[in-house]
N, C-alpha and C. Protein backbone atom coordinates (compact mmCIF):
# COMPACT_ATOMS: atom_id res chain seq x y z
N MET A 1 9.28 0.48 -10.65
CA MET A 1 8.56 1.69 -9.73
C MET A 1 8.33 2.49 -9.85
N ASP A 2 8.52 3.88 -10.03
CA ASP A 2 9.11 5.00 -9.91
C ASP A 2 9.46 5.43 -8.47
N ASP A 3 10.29 6.38 -8.00
CA ASP A 3 10.79 6.41 -7.32
C ASP A 3 9.26 7.28 -6.33
N HIS A 4 8.58 8.12 -6.95
CA HIS A 4 7.71 8.81 -6.26
C HIS A 4 6.51 7.78 -6.29
N SER A 5 5.80 6.44 -6.14
CA SER A 5 5.10 5.83 -6.21
C SER A 5 5.31 4.96 -4.60
N LYS A 6 7.24 4.46 -4.70
CA LYS A 6 7.86 3.42 -4.39
C LYS A 6 6.90 4.04 -2.76
N GLU A 7 7.43 5.20 -2.43
CA GLU A 7 8.27 6.21 -1.47
C GLU A 7 5.83 6.31 -1.14
N LEU A 8 5.52 6.68 -1.95
CA LEU A 8 3.33 6.61 -1.55
C LEU A 8 3.46 5.65 -0.93
N ILE A 9 3.78 4.51 -1.20
CA ILE A 9 2.89 3.06 -0.94
C ILE A 9 3.72 3.14 0.64
N ALA A 10 4.90 3.43 0.56
CA ALA A 10 6.00 3.23 1.79
C ALA A 10 5.47 4.05 2.89
N ILE A 11 4.44 5.32 2.74
CA ILE A 11 4.62 6.32 3.45
C ILE A 11 2.74 5.50 3.86
N GLY A 12 1.80 5.02 2.97
CA GLY A 12 1.13 4.28 3.42
C GLY A 12 1.21 2.34 4.51
N ALA A 13 1.61 2.05 4.14
CA ALA A 13 2.90 0.67 4.01
C ALA A 13 3.02 0.96 6.17
N SER A 14 3.76 2.42 6.17
CA SER A 14 4.35 2.67 7.84
C SER A 14 3.67 3.35 8.43
N ALA A 15 2.64 3.86 7.41
CA ALA A 15 1.25 4.49 9.50
C ALA A 15 0.48 3.02 9.22
N ALA A 16 0.82 1.90 8.02
CA ALA A 16 -0.84 0.73 8.43
C ALA A 16 -0.26 -0.26 9.70
N VAL A 17 1.02 0.03 10.25
CA VAL A 17 1.59 -0.92 10.82
C VAL A 17 2.52 0.02 11.60
N ASN A 18 2.19 1.25 11.33
CA ASN A 18 3.00 1.22 12.72
C ASN A 18 4.32 1.56 13.42
N CYS A 19 5.01 2.21 12.26
CA CYS A 19 6.22 2.40 11.96
C CYS A 19 6.94 3.29 12.15
N ARG A 20 7.16 4.49 12.96
CA ARG A 20 7.14 5.11 12.71
C ARG A 20 8.56 5.66 12.08
N PRO A 21 10.07 5.34 12.96
CA PRO A 21 11.45 5.23 12.28
C PRO A 21 10.85 4.98 10.56
N CYS A 22 10.20 4.14 9.72
CA CYS A 22 9.67 3.94 8.70
C CYS A 22 9.13 5.08 8.55
N LEU A 23 8.24 5.52 8.90
CA LEU A 23 7.47 6.67 8.72
C LEU A 23 7.84 7.90 8.13
N GLU A 24 9.15 7.78 8.87
CA GLU A 24 9.75 9.18 8.88
C GLU A 24 11.02 8.55 7.99
N PHE A 25 11.53 7.33 7.79
CA PHE A 25 12.64 7.45 6.63
C PHE A 25 11.89 7.78 5.31
N HIS A 26 10.67 6.99 4.97
CA HIS A 26 10.19 7.42 3.78
C HIS A 26 9.22 8.78 3.65
N TRP A 27 9.68 9.49 4.80
CA TRP A 27 8.24 10.80 3.79
C TRP A 27 10.06 11.28 3.91
N ARG A 28 11.17 11.36 4.93
CA ARG A 28 11.94 11.93 4.39
C ARG A 28 12.84 12.18 2.52
N GLU A 29 12.30 10.75 2.50
CA GLU A 29 12.97 9.65 1.21
C GLU A 29 11.78 10.39 0.39
N GLY A 30 10.37 10.63 0.26
CA GLY A 30 9.09 11.14 0.17
C GLY A 30 9.46 12.18 -0.92
N ARG A 31 9.27 13.39 0.59
CA ARG A 31 9.95 14.90 -0.24
C ARG A 31 11.25 14.67 -1.04
N ALA A 32 12.27 13.44 -1.26
CA ALA A 32 13.23 13.82 -2.19
C ALA A 32 12.76 13.82 -3.46
N ALA A 33 11.66 13.10 -3.55
CA ALA A 33 10.52 12.43 -4.79
C ALA A 33 9.60 13.64 -5.33
N GLY A 34 10.02 14.35 -4.44
CA GLY A 34 8.34 15.87 -4.98
C GLY A 34 7.11 14.78 -4.23
N ILE A 35 6.92 14.68 -3.79
CA ILE A 35 6.05 13.82 -2.53
C ILE A 35 5.53 15.09 -2.31
N THR A 36 4.61 15.90 -1.86
CA THR A 36 3.58 17.02 -1.31
C THR A 36 3.20 16.04 -0.25
N GLU A 37 2.84 17.18 0.60
CA GLU A 37 2.40 16.83 2.80
C GLU A 37 1.43 16.36 2.31
N ASP A 38 0.26 16.68 0.93
CA ASP A 38 -1.13 16.24 0.81
C ASP A 38 -1.09 14.94 0.60
N GLN A 39 0.17 14.36 -0.21
CA GLN A 39 -0.14 13.25 -1.22
C GLN A 39 0.41 12.16 0.04
N ALA A 40 1.41 13.15 0.76
CA ALA A 40 1.85 11.77 2.23
C ALA A 40 0.85 11.36 2.78
N LEU A 41 -0.49 12.72 3.22
CA LEU A 41 -1.20 12.45 4.11
C LEU A 41 -2.18 11.85 3.58
N ALA A 42 -2.62 11.61 2.35
CA ALA A 42 -3.55 10.66 1.67
C ALA A 42 -3.06 9.09 1.69
N ALA A 43 -1.59 8.95 1.67
CA ALA A 43 -1.05 8.03 1.62
C ALA A 43 -1.05 7.01 2.91
N ALA A 44 -0.90 7.44 3.62
CA ALA A 44 -1.10 7.66 4.87
C ALA A 44 -2.25 7.31 5.79
N GLU A 45 -3.57 7.93 4.99
CA GLU A 45 -4.53 7.58 5.30
C GLU A 45 -5.42 6.22 4.74
N VAL A 46 -4.25 6.28 4.17
CA VAL A 46 -5.57 4.48 3.11
C VAL A 46 -4.74 3.50 3.84
N GLY A 47 -3.78 4.22 4.00
CA GLY A 47 -2.44 3.06 5.29
C GLY A 47 -3.28 2.76 6.56
N LEU A 48 -3.47 3.57 7.16
CA LEU A 48 -3.86 3.93 8.79
C LEU A 48 -6.09 2.52 8.47
N MET A 49 -5.87 2.92 7.13
CA MET A 49 -7.86 2.15 6.75
C MET A 49 -7.39 1.14 6.31
N VAL A 50 -6.46 0.51 5.80
CA VAL A 50 -7.08 -0.65 6.16
C VAL A 50 -6.13 -1.21 7.01
N ALA A 51 -5.61 -1.21 7.95
CA ALA A 51 -5.50 -1.03 9.29
C ALA A 51 -6.26 -1.17 10.23
N ARG A 52 -7.42 -0.40 9.59
CA ARG A 52 -8.78 -0.47 11.07
C ARG A 52 -9.20 -1.06 10.69
N GLY A 53 -9.31 -1.70 9.02
CA GLY A 53 -10.19 -3.25 8.37
C GLY A 53 -9.70 -4.32 9.12
N ALA A 54 -8.64 -4.34 9.08
CA ALA A 54 -7.54 -5.84 9.08
C ALA A 54 -8.17 -6.03 10.25
N ALA A 55 -8.42 -4.99 11.96
CA ALA A 55 -7.96 -5.02 13.14
C ALA A 55 -9.39 -5.36 13.23
N ALA A 56 -10.86 -4.62 12.26
CA ALA A 56 -11.88 -4.69 13.01
C ALA A 56 -12.13 -6.60 12.24
N LYS A 57 -11.64 -7.03 11.59
CA LYS A 57 -11.79 -8.45 10.70
C LYS A 57 -11.46 -9.35 12.11
N THR A 58 -9.61 -8.81 12.63
CA THR A 58 -9.60 -10.22 13.25
C THR A 58 -9.82 -9.95 14.41
N LYS A 59 -10.92 -9.19 15.11
CA LYS A 59 -12.01 -8.73 16.49
C LYS A 59 -12.97 -9.79 15.52
N GLY A 60 -13.11 -10.05 14.16
CA GLY A 60 -14.56 -11.17 14.13
C GLY A 60 -13.04 -12.59 14.25
N TYR A 61 -12.53 -13.10 14.01
CA TYR A 61 -11.83 -14.38 13.74
C TYR A 61 -11.15 -14.21 15.67
N VAL A 62 -11.57 -13.33 16.11
CA VAL A 62 -11.17 -13.79 17.33
C VAL A 62 -12.54 -14.52 18.09
N GLY A 63 -13.95 -13.82 17.63
CA GLY A 63 -14.60 -14.69 18.00
C GLY A 63 -15.04 -16.11 17.62
N GLU A 64 -14.50 -16.45 16.06
CA GLU A 64 -14.54 -17.83 15.15
C GLU A 64 -14.01 -18.59 16.31
N VAL A 65 -12.95 -18.21 16.69
CA VAL A 65 -12.28 -19.67 16.81
C VAL A 65 -12.50 -19.42 18.82
N ILE A 66 -12.75 -18.62 19.37
CA ILE A 66 -13.09 -19.24 21.02
C ILE A 66 -14.71 -19.29 20.62
N THR A 67 -15.74 -19.63 19.57
CA THR A 67 -17.14 -19.67 19.78
C THR A 67 -17.06 -20.61 18.53
N GLY A 68 -16.11 -20.77 17.95
CA GLY A 68 -16.32 -21.44 16.98
C GLY A 68 -17.94 -21.64 15.80
N GLU A 69 -17.94 -20.69 16.66
CA GLU A 69 -18.93 -20.00 14.76
C GLU A 69 -18.44 -18.96 13.78
N ARG A 70 -18.84 -18.73 13.25
CA ARG A 70 -18.47 -17.37 11.75
C ARG A 70 -19.04 -16.00 11.82
N ALA A 71 -17.81 -15.36 12.64
CA ALA A 71 -18.57 -13.91 12.31
C ALA A 71 -18.81 -13.02 11.75
N ASP A 72 -18.73 -13.72 10.72
CA ASP A 72 -18.72 -12.98 9.03
C ASP A 72 -19.85 -13.36 7.80
N GLU A 73 -20.54 -14.51 8.62
CA GLU A 73 -21.43 -15.62 7.37
C GLU A 73 -22.66 -14.61 7.25
N GLY A 74 -23.10 -14.36 5.12
CA GLY A 74 -23.86 -13.17 5.13
C GLY A 74 -23.33 -12.41 5.26
N LYS A 75 -22.00 -11.47 5.32
CA LYS A 75 -21.35 -10.32 5.01
C LYS A 75 -21.07 -10.16 3.47
N ALA A 76 -20.88 -8.99 3.41
CA ALA A 76 -19.97 -8.69 1.90
C ALA A 76 -18.17 -9.45 2.43
N GLN A 77 -18.13 -9.57 1.77
CA GLN A 77 -16.39 -10.11 1.80
C GLN A 77 -16.05 -8.30 1.50
N GLY A 78 -14.17 -8.69 2.57
CA GLY A 78 -13.20 -7.78 1.46
C GLY A 78 -13.00 -7.87 2.95
N CYS A 79 -12.07 -7.34 3.75
CA CYS A 79 -12.21 -6.50 5.54
C CYS A 79 -12.27 -5.17 5.74
N GLY A 80 -13.15 -4.94 5.58
CA GLY A 80 -14.16 -3.10 6.01
C GLY A 80 -13.12 -2.44 5.45
N CYS A 81 -12.04 -2.36 4.61
CA CYS A 81 -11.07 -0.59 5.28
C CYS A 81 -11.96 0.25 4.10
N GLY A 82 -12.68 -0.33 3.29
CA GLY A 82 -13.16 0.18 2.66
C GLY A 82 -13.10 0.78 0.99
N GLY A 83 -11.71 0.17 0.69
CA GLY A 83 -11.26 -0.18 -0.19
C GLY A 83 -12.05 -0.85 -1.31
């Protein structure tokens, strides 16, 4: 995998896991690999979208564990991130 693609993925993942040191590191590396601000912001937005979807699913899992009832029966599969 080329450095450009690797750093875009790392920027999105850093945003998804809320890791500022990783985001700063991968933005520096990304700039060196030719990533533009617009590309980095788009990658970060995808990571944040995935994080929001995962958080929404976790909310349902909490209800399942506590009440014993499935929260997502009959709903579409996926995490809800829009991907």
